[in-house]
N, C-alpha and C. Protein backbone atom coordinates (compact mmCIF):
# COMPACT_ATOMS: atom_id res chain seq x y z
N MET A 1 108.41 39.94 28.46
CA MET A 1 107.06 40.01 27.96
C MET A 1 105.87 41.22 27.91
N THR A 2 105.92 42.30 27.39
CA THR A 2 104.97 43.22 27.69
C THR A 2 102.99 42.58 27.93
N ALA A 3 103.12 43.59 29.18
CA ALA A 3 101.28 43.19 29.02
C ALA A 3 100.60 43.66 27.40
N GLN A 4 99.41 42.85 27.37
CA GLN A 4 98.35 43.48 26.60
C GLN A 4 97.77 44.64 27.23
N PRO A 5 97.19 45.60 26.44
CA PRO A 5 96.37 46.61 27.07
C PRO A 5 94.99 45.96 27.85
N GLU A 6 94.23 44.83 27.26
CA GLU A 6 93.15 44.34 27.85
C GLU A 6 93.85 43.42 29.38
N GLN A 7 94.73 43.37 29.63
CA GLN A 7 95.31 42.54 30.54
C GLN A 7 96.27 43.62 31.53
N LEU A 8 95.98 44.60 31.42
CA LEU A 8 96.17 45.76 32.18
C LEU A 8 95.15 46.09 33.10
N THR A 9 95.55 46.89 34.59
CA THR A 9 94.25 46.99 35.35
C THR A 9 94.11 48.37 34.85
N PRO A 10 92.73 48.83 34.96
CA PRO A 10 92.37 50.29 35.03
C PRO A 10 93.30 51.30 35.57
N TYR A 11 93.82 51.32 36.34
CA TYR A 11 94.92 51.91 36.94
C TYR A 11 95.98 52.16 36.47
N GLU A 12 96.74 50.91 35.54
CA GLU A 12 97.76 51.08 35.15
C GLU A 12 97.50 51.65 33.42
N ARG A 13 96.06 51.39 33.15
CA ARG A 13 95.96 51.72 31.68
C ARG A 13 96.37 53.71 31.85
N MET A 14 95.43 54.24 32.74
CA MET A 14 95.37 55.39 32.85
C MET A 14 97.11 56.60 33.44
N GLY A 15 97.46 55.44 33.83
CA GLY A 15 99.33 55.88 34.04
C GLY A 15 99.79 55.53 35.09
N GLY A 16 98.77 54.99 36.14
CA GLY A 16 99.21 54.89 37.06
C GLY A 16 99.33 56.00 38.15
N ALA A 17 100.39 55.90 39.13
CA ALA A 17 100.18 56.49 40.26
C ALA A 17 100.76 58.22 39.71
N PRO A 18 101.59 58.74 38.72
CA PRO A 18 101.45 59.87 38.35
C PRO A 18 100.58 60.71 37.78
N PHE A 19 99.33 60.00 37.26
CA PHE A 19 98.06 59.95 37.08
C PHE A 19 96.74 60.34 37.83
N PHE A 20 97.19 59.60 39.01
CA PHE A 20 96.16 59.73 40.01
C PHE A 20 96.29 61.15 41.17
N ALA A 21 97.93 60.99 40.87
CA ALA A 21 98.56 61.78 41.93
C ALA A 21 98.18 63.47 41.27
N ASP A 22 98.65 63.67 40.22
CA ASP A 22 97.79 64.55 39.25
C ASP A 22 96.18 65.03 39.55
N LEU A 23 95.80 64.12 39.43
CA LEU A 23 94.34 64.37 39.75
C LEU A 23 93.58 64.98 40.68
N VAL A 24 94.26 64.25 41.73
CA VAL A 24 93.69 64.42 43.34
C VAL A 24 94.58 65.88 43.13
N HIS A 25 95.76 66.22 42.73
CA HIS A 25 96.52 67.56 43.27
C HIS A 25 95.33 68.64 43.10
N ARG A 26 95.67 68.82 41.70
CA ARG A 26 95.21 69.65 40.73
C ARG A 26 92.75 69.57 41.62
N PHE A 27 92.49 69.00 41.83
CA PHE A 27 91.63 68.94 42.74
C PHE A 27 92.11 69.63 44.36
N TYR A 28 92.76 69.56 45.05
CA TYR A 28 92.52 69.66 46.07
C TYR A 28 93.06 71.24 45.68
N GLU A 29 93.90 71.42 44.52
CA GLU A 29 94.19 72.81 44.48
C GLU A 29 92.78 73.90 44.62
N GLY A 30 91.73 73.56 43.59
CA GLY A 30 90.37 73.69 43.73
C GLY A 30 89.72 73.70 44.93
N VAL A 31 89.77 73.03 45.73
CA VAL A 31 89.01 72.98 46.84
C VAL A 31 90.04 73.84 47.83
N ALA A 32 91.17 74.12 47.41
CA ALA A 32 91.42 75.29 48.79
C ALA A 32 91.35 76.69 48.63
N GLN A 33 91.01 76.90 47.31
CA GLN A 33 90.31 78.47 46.71
C GLN A 33 88.58 78.49 46.92
N ASP A 34 88.03 77.60 47.22
CA ASP A 34 86.74 77.65 47.51
C ASP A 34 86.14 77.01 48.85
N ALA A 35 86.10 78.03 49.59
CA ALA A 35 85.78 78.80 50.83
C ALA A 35 84.40 77.34 51.78
N PRO A 36 82.78 77.43 50.58
CA PRO A 36 82.27 76.77 51.10
C PRO A 36 82.82 75.71 51.03
N LEU A 37 83.32 74.82 50.06
CA LEU A 37 83.99 73.33 49.88
C LEU A 37 85.02 73.42 50.57
N ARG A 38 85.69 74.14 50.81
CA ARG A 38 87.16 73.88 51.95
C ARG A 38 86.87 73.74 53.30
N ALA A 39 85.33 74.67 53.87
CA ALA A 39 84.76 74.38 55.32
C ALA A 39 84.65 72.89 55.35
N LEU A 40 84.09 71.74 54.45
CA LEU A 40 84.09 70.64 54.66
C LEU A 40 85.08 69.18 55.32
N TYR A 41 86.44 70.18 55.42
CA TYR A 41 87.96 69.65 55.53
C TYR A 41 88.27 70.13 56.75
N PRO A 42 88.56 69.52 57.88
CA PRO A 42 88.33 70.05 59.33
C PRO A 42 90.39 70.57 59.26
N GLU A 43 90.87 69.79 58.55
CA GLU A 43 92.60 69.55 58.51
C GLU A 43 93.00 70.66 58.22
N GLU A 44 93.54 71.65 59.22
CA GLU A 44 94.27 72.90 58.45
C GLU A 44 95.23 72.63 57.34
N ASP A 45 95.62 71.61 57.20
CA ASP A 45 96.28 71.25 55.59
C ASP A 45 95.66 70.47 55.09
N LEU A 46 95.56 70.16 53.69
CA LEU A 46 94.79 69.30 52.86
C LEU A 46 95.48 68.09 53.03
N GLY A 47 96.82 68.41 52.71
CA GLY A 47 97.77 66.90 52.43
C GLY A 47 97.58 65.96 52.41
N PRO A 48 96.67 65.49 54.29
CA PRO A 48 96.00 64.59 54.09
C PRO A 48 94.83 63.83 53.75
N ALA A 49 94.49 64.72 53.38
CA ALA A 49 93.30 64.56 52.98
C ALA A 49 93.32 64.03 51.18
N GLU A 50 94.72 64.89 50.84
CA GLU A 50 95.01 64.89 49.10
C GLU A 50 95.72 63.30 49.29
N ASP A 51 96.51 62.65 50.66
CA ASP A 51 96.50 61.51 50.21
C ASP A 51 95.74 60.01 50.59
N ARG A 52 94.48 61.04 51.13
CA ARG A 52 93.93 59.89 51.41
C ARG A 52 92.79 59.42 49.73
N LEU A 53 92.50 60.66 49.06
CA LEU A 53 91.58 60.33 48.05
C LEU A 53 92.40 59.70 47.27
N ARG A 54 94.06 60.39 47.31
CA ARG A 54 94.64 59.51 46.15
C ARG A 54 94.77 57.65 46.25
N MET A 55 94.75 57.57 47.55
CA MET A 55 95.21 56.14 47.66
C MET A 55 93.73 55.36 47.47
N PHE A 56 92.55 56.39 48.00
CA PHE A 56 91.31 55.38 47.55
C PHE A 56 91.15 55.18 46.09
N LEU A 57 90.88 56.12 45.32
CA LEU A 57 91.12 56.39 43.90
C LEU A 57 92.13 55.41 43.44
N GLU A 58 93.44 55.47 43.90
CA GLU A 58 94.24 54.23 43.05
C GLU A 58 93.74 53.06 43.07
N GLN A 59 93.25 52.66 44.96
CA GLN A 59 93.18 51.12 44.82
C GLN A 59 91.64 50.82 44.11
N TYR A 60 90.40 51.73 44.05
CA TYR A 60 89.16 51.65 43.41
C TYR A 60 89.07 51.21 41.88
N TRP A 61 90.72 51.89 41.32
CA TRP A 61 91.03 51.55 39.85
C TRP A 61 91.69 50.26 39.50
N GLY A 62 92.38 49.58 40.67
CA GLY A 62 93.26 48.52 40.63
C GLY A 62 94.49 48.62 40.60
N GLY A 63 94.69 50.08 41.74
CA GLY A 63 95.95 50.54 42.34
C GLY A 63 96.27 49.15 42.70
N PRO A 64 97.81 50.31 43.94
CA PRO A 64 97.68 49.42 45.36
C PRO A 64 96.44 49.55 46.23
N THR A 65 97.04 49.11 46.93
CA THR A 65 95.75 48.64 48.34
C THR A 65 96.28 49.47 49.37
N THR A 66 96.93 50.03 49.48
CA THR A 66 97.61 51.08 50.56
C THR A 66 96.32 51.56 51.42
N TYR A 67 95.51 52.06 50.64
CA TYR A 67 94.05 52.70 51.14
C TYR A 67 93.72 51.77 52.55
N GLN A 68 93.45 50.73 52.00
CA GLN A 68 92.79 49.33 52.91
C GLN A 68 93.73 49.14 54.06
N GLN A 69 94.66 49.10 53.81
CA GLN A 69 95.88 48.59 54.29
C GLN A 69 96.26 49.36 55.72
N ARG A 70 95.80 50.72 55.47
CA ARG A 70 96.01 51.64 56.20
C ARG A 70 94.79 51.81 56.63
N ARG A 71 93.41 52.17 56.21
CA ARG A 71 92.08 52.90 56.78
C ARG A 71 91.35 51.29 56.84
N GLY A 72 91.91 50.38 56.55
CA GLY A 72 90.73 49.51 56.64
C GLY A 72 89.77 50.08 55.02
N HIS A 73 88.54 49.54 55.09
CA HIS A 73 87.27 48.83 54.54
C HIS A 73 87.01 50.77 54.13
N PRO A 74 86.65 51.07 52.28
CA PRO A 74 86.37 52.56 52.75
C PRO A 74 85.25 53.00 53.37
N ARG A 75 84.12 52.42 53.39
CA ARG A 75 82.67 52.47 53.92
C ARG A 75 82.61 54.45 53.72
N LEU A 76 82.44 54.46 52.20
CA LEU A 76 82.21 56.07 52.27
C LEU A 76 81.11 56.66 52.95
N ARG A 77 80.05 56.20 52.76
CA ARG A 77 79.00 56.73 53.20
C ARG A 77 78.72 57.26 54.92
N MET A 78 79.40 56.19 55.30
CA MET A 78 80.08 56.39 56.53
C MET A 78 81.11 57.29 57.29
N ARG A 79 81.69 57.47 56.36
CA ARG A 79 83.08 58.13 56.77
C ARG A 79 82.67 59.44 56.60
N HIS A 80 81.55 59.62 55.47
CA HIS A 80 81.32 60.96 55.07
C HIS A 80 79.69 61.39 55.97
N VAL A 81 79.32 60.70 56.74
CA VAL A 81 78.04 61.16 57.42
C VAL A 81 78.12 62.60 58.64
N PRO A 82 79.80 62.95 59.22
CA PRO A 82 79.81 63.97 59.92
C PRO A 82 79.38 64.89 59.19
N TYR A 83 79.56 65.46 57.92
CA TYR A 83 79.65 66.17 56.92
C TYR A 83 78.49 66.55 56.30
N LEU A 84 77.71 68.15 56.38
CA LEU A 84 76.54 68.10 55.90
C LEU A 84 76.37 68.29 54.63
N ILE A 85 76.55 67.34 53.16
CA ILE A 85 76.60 67.23 51.81
C ILE A 85 75.58 68.04 51.23
N ASP A 86 75.41 68.93 50.51
CA ASP A 86 73.93 68.82 49.95
C ASP A 86 74.04 68.99 48.32
N ASP A 87 73.24 69.23 47.78
CA ASP A 87 73.68 69.29 46.61
C ASP A 87 74.01 70.33 46.05
N ALA A 88 74.60 71.49 46.48
CA ALA A 88 75.46 72.84 46.03
C ALA A 88 76.95 71.91 46.13
N GLN A 89 76.86 71.62 47.92
CA GLN A 89 78.45 70.74 47.69
C GLN A 89 79.12 70.15 46.86
N ARG A 90 77.81 68.93 46.25
CA ARG A 90 78.13 68.06 45.73
C ARG A 90 78.41 68.35 44.20
N ASP A 91 77.72 69.37 43.77
CA ASP A 91 78.35 70.34 42.54
C ASP A 91 79.24 71.05 42.36
N ARG A 92 79.77 71.85 43.61
CA ARG A 92 80.82 72.28 43.79
C ARG A 92 82.21 71.07 43.82
N TRP A 93 82.32 70.11 44.28
CA TRP A 93 83.00 68.71 44.59
C TRP A 93 83.30 68.41 43.01
N LEU A 94 82.24 68.04 42.18
CA LEU A 94 81.91 67.79 40.76
C LEU A 94 82.85 68.64 40.18
N ALA A 95 82.70 69.90 40.27
CA ALA A 95 83.26 70.62 39.38
C ALA A 95 85.26 70.92 39.89
N HIS A 96 85.43 70.49 41.01
CA HIS A 96 86.60 70.76 41.08
C HIS A 96 87.35 69.52 40.57
N MET A 97 86.66 67.97 40.47
CA MET A 97 86.91 66.90 40.07
C MET A 97 86.70 66.76 39.15
N ALA A 98 86.14 67.54 37.89
CA ALA A 98 86.10 67.61 36.15
C ALA A 98 87.49 68.56 36.05
N ASP A 99 87.80 69.31 36.55
CA ASP A 99 89.29 70.28 36.35
C ASP A 99 89.94 69.36 37.07
N GLY A 100 89.92 68.46 37.88
CA GLY A 100 90.99 67.58 38.15
C GLY A 100 91.46 66.48 37.29
N LEU A 101 90.19 65.81 36.88
CA LEU A 101 90.34 65.19 35.47
C LEU A 101 90.71 65.09 34.81
N SER A 102 90.20 66.46 33.88
CA SER A 102 90.49 67.17 32.43
C SER A 102 91.77 67.43 32.51
N TYR A 103 92.59 67.69 33.87
CA TYR A 103 93.53 68.19 34.09
C TYR A 103 94.67 66.53 33.79
N ALA A 104 94.02 65.51 34.36
CA ALA A 104 95.39 64.49 34.50
C ALA A 104 95.02 64.23 32.82
N ALA A 105 93.82 63.75 32.65
CA ALA A 105 93.28 63.67 31.78
C ALA A 105 94.36 64.25 30.50
N GLN A 106 94.69 64.92 30.38
CA GLN A 106 95.24 65.76 28.98
C GLN A 106 96.93 65.15 28.90
N ARG A 107 97.10 65.60 30.74
CA ARG A 107 98.74 65.45 30.82
C ARG A 107 98.97 63.69 30.69
N HIS A 108 98.31 63.34 30.58
CA HIS A 108 98.50 61.82 30.76
C HIS A 108 97.97 60.93 29.60
N ASP A 109 97.49 61.44 28.38
CA ASP A 109 96.95 61.47 27.44
C ASP A 109 95.55 59.90 27.28
N LEU A 110 94.89 60.13 28.13
CA LEU A 110 93.93 59.30 29.31
C LEU A 110 92.92 59.46 27.83
N ASP A 111 92.72 57.42 27.77
CA ASP A 111 92.18 56.89 26.76
C ASP A 111 90.42 57.54 26.64
N PRO A 112 90.14 58.07 25.54
CA PRO A 112 88.09 58.68 25.90
C PRO A 112 87.51 57.62 27.03
N GLU A 113 87.59 56.68 26.48
CA GLU A 113 86.55 55.41 27.12
C GLU A 113 86.72 55.50 28.32
N LEU A 114 88.07 55.48 28.92
CA LEU A 114 88.52 55.42 30.14
C LEU A 114 88.09 56.74 31.13
N TYR A 115 88.24 57.67 30.51
CA TYR A 115 87.87 59.02 30.79
C TYR A 115 86.18 59.30 31.22
N ASP A 116 85.47 58.33 30.35
CA ASP A 116 83.81 58.36 30.38
C ASP A 116 83.55 57.60 31.79
N GLN A 117 84.51 56.33 31.85
CA GLN A 117 84.06 55.37 32.82
C GLN A 117 84.58 56.07 34.24
N PHE A 118 85.90 56.70 34.25
CA PHE A 118 85.76 57.62 35.43
C PHE A 118 84.80 58.74 35.94
N TRP A 119 84.82 59.51 35.27
CA TRP A 119 83.62 60.67 35.04
C TRP A 119 81.99 59.53 35.49
N HIS A 120 82.08 59.02 34.56
CA HIS A 120 81.07 58.34 35.76
C HIS A 120 80.84 57.73 37.49
N TYR A 121 81.69 56.88 37.05
CA TYR A 121 82.17 56.97 38.81
C TYR A 121 81.46 57.98 39.63
N LEU A 122 82.58 59.02 39.28
CA LEU A 122 82.94 60.05 39.72
C LEU A 122 81.25 60.90 40.47
N VAL A 123 80.24 60.83 39.67
CA VAL A 123 79.30 61.41 39.39
C VAL A 123 78.43 60.42 40.38
N SER A 124 78.70 59.09 40.73
CA SER A 124 77.62 58.41 40.55
C SER A 124 78.13 58.38 42.42
N ALA A 125 79.15 58.90 43.08
CA ALA A 125 80.04 58.58 43.99
C ALA A 125 78.88 59.64 44.62
N ALA A 126 79.52 61.00 44.02
CA ALA A 126 78.67 62.62 44.29
C ALA A 126 77.62 62.44 44.50
N HIS A 127 76.80 61.85 44.20
CA HIS A 127 75.81 61.85 44.23
C HIS A 127 75.13 60.99 45.66
N ALA A 128 75.66 60.17 45.50
CA ALA A 128 75.61 58.42 46.98
C ALA A 128 75.91 59.42 48.19
N LEU A 129 77.26 60.33 48.45
CA LEU A 129 77.53 61.03 48.94
C LEU A 129 76.25 62.14 50.34
N VAL A 130 75.39 62.46 49.18
CA VAL A 130 74.32 63.75 49.60
C VAL A 130 73.82 63.18 50.58
N ASN A 131 73.92 63.95 51.46
CA ASN A 131 73.09 63.51 52.55
C ASN A 131 72.20 64.73 53.73
N SER A 132 71.80 65.49 52.85
CA SER A 132 71.29 66.79 53.57
C SER A 132 70.31 67.35 52.43
N ALA A 133 69.39 67.92 52.52
CA ALA A 133 68.48 68.89 51.64
C ALA A 133 68.91 70.29 51.74
N PRO A 134 68.58 70.80 50.80
CA PRO A 134 69.22 72.01 50.86
C PRO A 134 68.48 72.85 51.86
N SER A 135 69.11 73.95 52.09
CA SER A 135 68.69 74.18 52.84
C SER A 135 67.53 75.63 52.28
N PRO A 136 66.11 75.97 53.26
CA PRO A 136 65.76 76.68 52.82
C PRO A 136 65.51 78.96 52.41
C-alpha cells in the first residue's frame, strides 16, 4: 500500500535525499566563489560543512536523524557564535540558498507550497543567526 501525500513527511514530499543533496551542493558551489562568505568556513574543504548542512536540513524536514546522532542537538545559535554574522553576510547566505533552493525545486518539481515553507524557514533562520552589527 502506498502512503498518501498527507502521510508523508515534508522530507519525503520534497524528494528525499536527492533533493537535499542538490540544494546543499548548489549552495556550497556559490559559497566557494563568494570570498566574504567563504571566510566564515575555516575548513580548507567545504565538503564537511556541506555534509553537516545537508544532514541538518534533512533532519529538520522529517528525514533521517543522522545529524543528531553524529553531532547532538543542533544548537544553531551556539554553533554560529564564533563567526561574526552581520546583515551583509546573512544576505549573501540567503542569496546562495535562494539559488540552491530554486535549482533543487526545479530538478525535483517541488510543490510551490513546500517551496514557500522552506524559503520562510531559511529566512527566519538566517535572521536569527545575525550576531553582529554592520561595521561603521
